[in-house]
Amino acid sequence: VGMVGWLLSEGDASPLVTAQDVGAQANRRRNGGNGYDHLCRRIGPAIADIAGDPAVAEQILIHTPRRLLERP
């Protein structure tokens, strides 16, 4: 999250995208990990706080991932 803040201070947020990996059993909540909702539950709100502007947070958390997933 600190790196996202630094990148935002350096300029445009449009190339930023967040992701998480829950492929390993250790990353699943039942095994002591953060679980599938970690990005939405903890990281998303932290990015929104750092961004200060809801439009910037939406760009990072919604619009850029959507654009990347819609590519052929």
C-alpha atoms as a PDB file:
ATOM      1  CA  VAL A   1       0.000   0.000   0.000  1.00  0.00           C
ATOM      2  CA  GLY A   2       2.914   2.310   0.709  1.00  0.00           C
ATOM      3  CA  MET A   3       4.259   1.724  -2.790  1.00  0.00           C
ATOM      4  CA  VAL A   4       0.851   2.587  -4.270  1.00  0.00           C
ATOM      5  CA  GLY A   5       0.964   5.870  -2.362  1.00  0.00           C
ATOM      6  CA  TRP A   6       4.426   6.603  -3.724  1.00  0.00           C
ATOM      7  CA  LEU A   7       3.369   5.740  -7.282  1.00  0.00           C
ATOM      8  CA  LEU A   8       0.330   8.004  -6.960  1.00  0.00           C
ATOM      9  CA  SER A   9       2.567  10.849  -5.830  1.00  0.00           C
ATOM     10  CA  GLU A  10       4.688  10.309  -8.942  1.00  0.00           C
ATOM     11  CA  GLY A  11       1.854  10.768 -11.418  1.00  0.00           C
ATOM     12  CA  ASP A  12      -0.967   9.052 -13.272  1.00  0.00           C
ATOM     13  CA  ALA A  13      -2.872   6.210 -11.586  1.00  0.00           C
ATOM     14  CA  SER A  14      -4.269   4.719 -14.801  1.00  0.00           C
ATOM     15  CA  PRO A  15      -1.549   2.048 -15.278  1.00  0.00           C
ATOM     16  CA  LEU A  16      -1.819   0.806 -11.673  1.00  0.00           C
ATOM     17  CA  VAL A  17      -3.612  -2.466 -11.016  1.00  0.00           C
ATOM     18  CA  THR A  18      -3.804  -4.580  -7.872  1.00  0.00           C
ATOM     19  CA  ALA A  19      -3.924  -8.346  -7.548  1.00  0.00           C
ATOM     20  CA  GLN A  20      -3.545 -11.118  -5.041  1.00  0.00           C
ATOM     21  CA  ASP A  21      -2.587 -14.745  -5.102  1.00  0.00           C
ATOM     22  CA  VAL A  22      -4.545 -17.323  -3.132  1.00  0.00           C
ATOM     23  CA  GLY A  23      -3.342 -20.349  -5.054  1.00  0.00           C
ATOM     24  CA  ALA A  24      -1.316 -21.826  -2.216  1.00  0.00           C
ATOM     25  CA  GLN A  25      -3.207 -23.562   0.580  1.00  0.00           C
ATOM     26  CA  ALA A  26      -1.371 -21.406   3.126  1.00  0.00           C
ATOM     27  CA  ASN A  27      -2.991 -18.264   1.668  1.00  0.00           C
ATOM     28  CA  ARG A  28      -6.513 -19.475   2.340  1.00  0.00           C
ATOM     29  CA  ARG A  29      -8.229 -18.151   5.436  1.00  0.00           C
ATOM     30  CA  ARG A  30      -8.984 -21.592   6.866  1.00  0.00           C
ATOM     31  CA  ASN A  31      -5.236 -22.252   6.849  1.00  0.00           C
ATOM     32  CA  GLY A  32      -4.273 -18.957   8.483  1.00  0.00           C
ATOM     33  CA  GLY A  33      -3.896 -16.842   5.348  1.00  0.00           C
ATOM     34  CA  ASN A  34      -5.677 -13.652   4.311  1.00  0.00           C
ATOM     35  CA  GLY A  35      -8.261 -15.352   2.099  1.00  0.00           C
ATOM     36  CA  TYR A  36      -9.955 -14.413  -1.140  1.00  0.00           C
ATOM     37  CA  ASP A  37     -11.538 -11.216   0.179  1.00  0.00           C
ATOM     38  CA  HIS A  38      -8.280  -9.642   1.428  1.00  0.00           C
ATOM     39  CA  LEU A  39      -7.966  -7.320  -1.557  1.00  0.00           C
ATOM     40  CA  CYS A  40     -11.523  -5.982  -1.203  1.00  0.00           C
ATOM     41  CA  ARG A  41     -11.671  -6.049   2.599  1.00  0.00           C
ATOM     42  CA  ARG A  42      -8.327  -4.472   3.512  1.00  0.00           C
ATOM     43  CA  ILE A  43      -6.287  -3.305   0.528  1.00  0.00           C
ATOM     44  CA  GLY A  44      -9.095  -1.548  -1.390  1.00  0.00           C
ATOM     45  CA  PRO A  45     -10.088   0.721   1.510  1.00  0.00           C
ATOM     46  CA  ALA A  46      -6.419   1.475   2.236  1.00  0.00           C
ATOM     47  CA  ILE A  47      -5.862   2.498  -1.391  1.00  0.00           C
ATOM     48  CA  ALA A  48      -9.003   4.653  -1.268  1.00  0.00           C
ATOM     49  CA  ASP A  49      -7.636   6.414   1.838  1.00  0.00           C
ATOM     50  CA  ILE A  50      -4.237   6.997   0.250  1.00  0.00           C
ATOM     51  CA  ALA A  51      -5.701   8.164  -3.077  1.00  0.00           C
ATOM     52  CA  GLY A  52      -7.904  10.746  -1.378  1.00  0.00           C
ATOM     53  CA  ASP A  53     -10.055  10.977  -4.510  1.00  0.00           C
ATOM     54  CA  PRO A  54     -12.742   8.319  -5.039  1.00  0.00           C
ATOM     55  CA  ALA A  55     -12.237   8.542  -8.807  1.00  0.00           C
ATOM     56  CA  VAL A  56      -8.566   7.573  -8.453  1.00  0.00           C
ATOM     57  CA  ALA A  57      -9.421   4.608  -6.235  1.00  0.00           C
ATOM     58  CA  GLU A  58     -12.076   3.483  -8.722  1.00  0.00           C
ATOM     59  CA  GLN A  59      -9.527   3.748 -11.535  1.00  0.00           C
ATOM     60  CA  ILE A  60      -7.081   1.467  -9.691  1.00  0.00           C
ATOM     61  CA  LEU A  61      -9.579  -0.992  -8.223  1.00  0.00           C
ATOM     62  CA  ILE A  62     -12.283  -1.194 -10.901  1.00  0.00           C
ATOM     63  CA  HIS A  63     -11.646   0.441 -14.256  1.00  0.00           C
ATOM     64  CA  THR A  64      -8.078  -0.698 -14.990  1.00  0.00           C
ATOM     65  CA  PRO A  65      -8.729  -4.369 -14.047  1.00  0.00           C
ATOM     66  CA  ARG A  66     -11.923  -4.309 -16.114  1.00  0.00           C
ATOM     67  CA  ARG A  67     -10.051  -2.885 -19.111  1.00  0.00           C
ATOM     68  CA  LEU A  68      -7.339  -5.535 -18.807  1.00  0.00           C
ATOM     69  CA  LEU A  69      -9.817  -8.409 -18.465  1.00  0.00           C
ATOM     70  CA  GLU A  70     -11.820  -7.265 -21.501  1.00  0.00           C
ATOM     71  CA  ARG A  71      -8.818  -7.440 -23.831  1.00  0.00           C
ATOM     72  CA  PRO A  72      -9.010 -10.073 -26.582  1.00  0.00           C
END
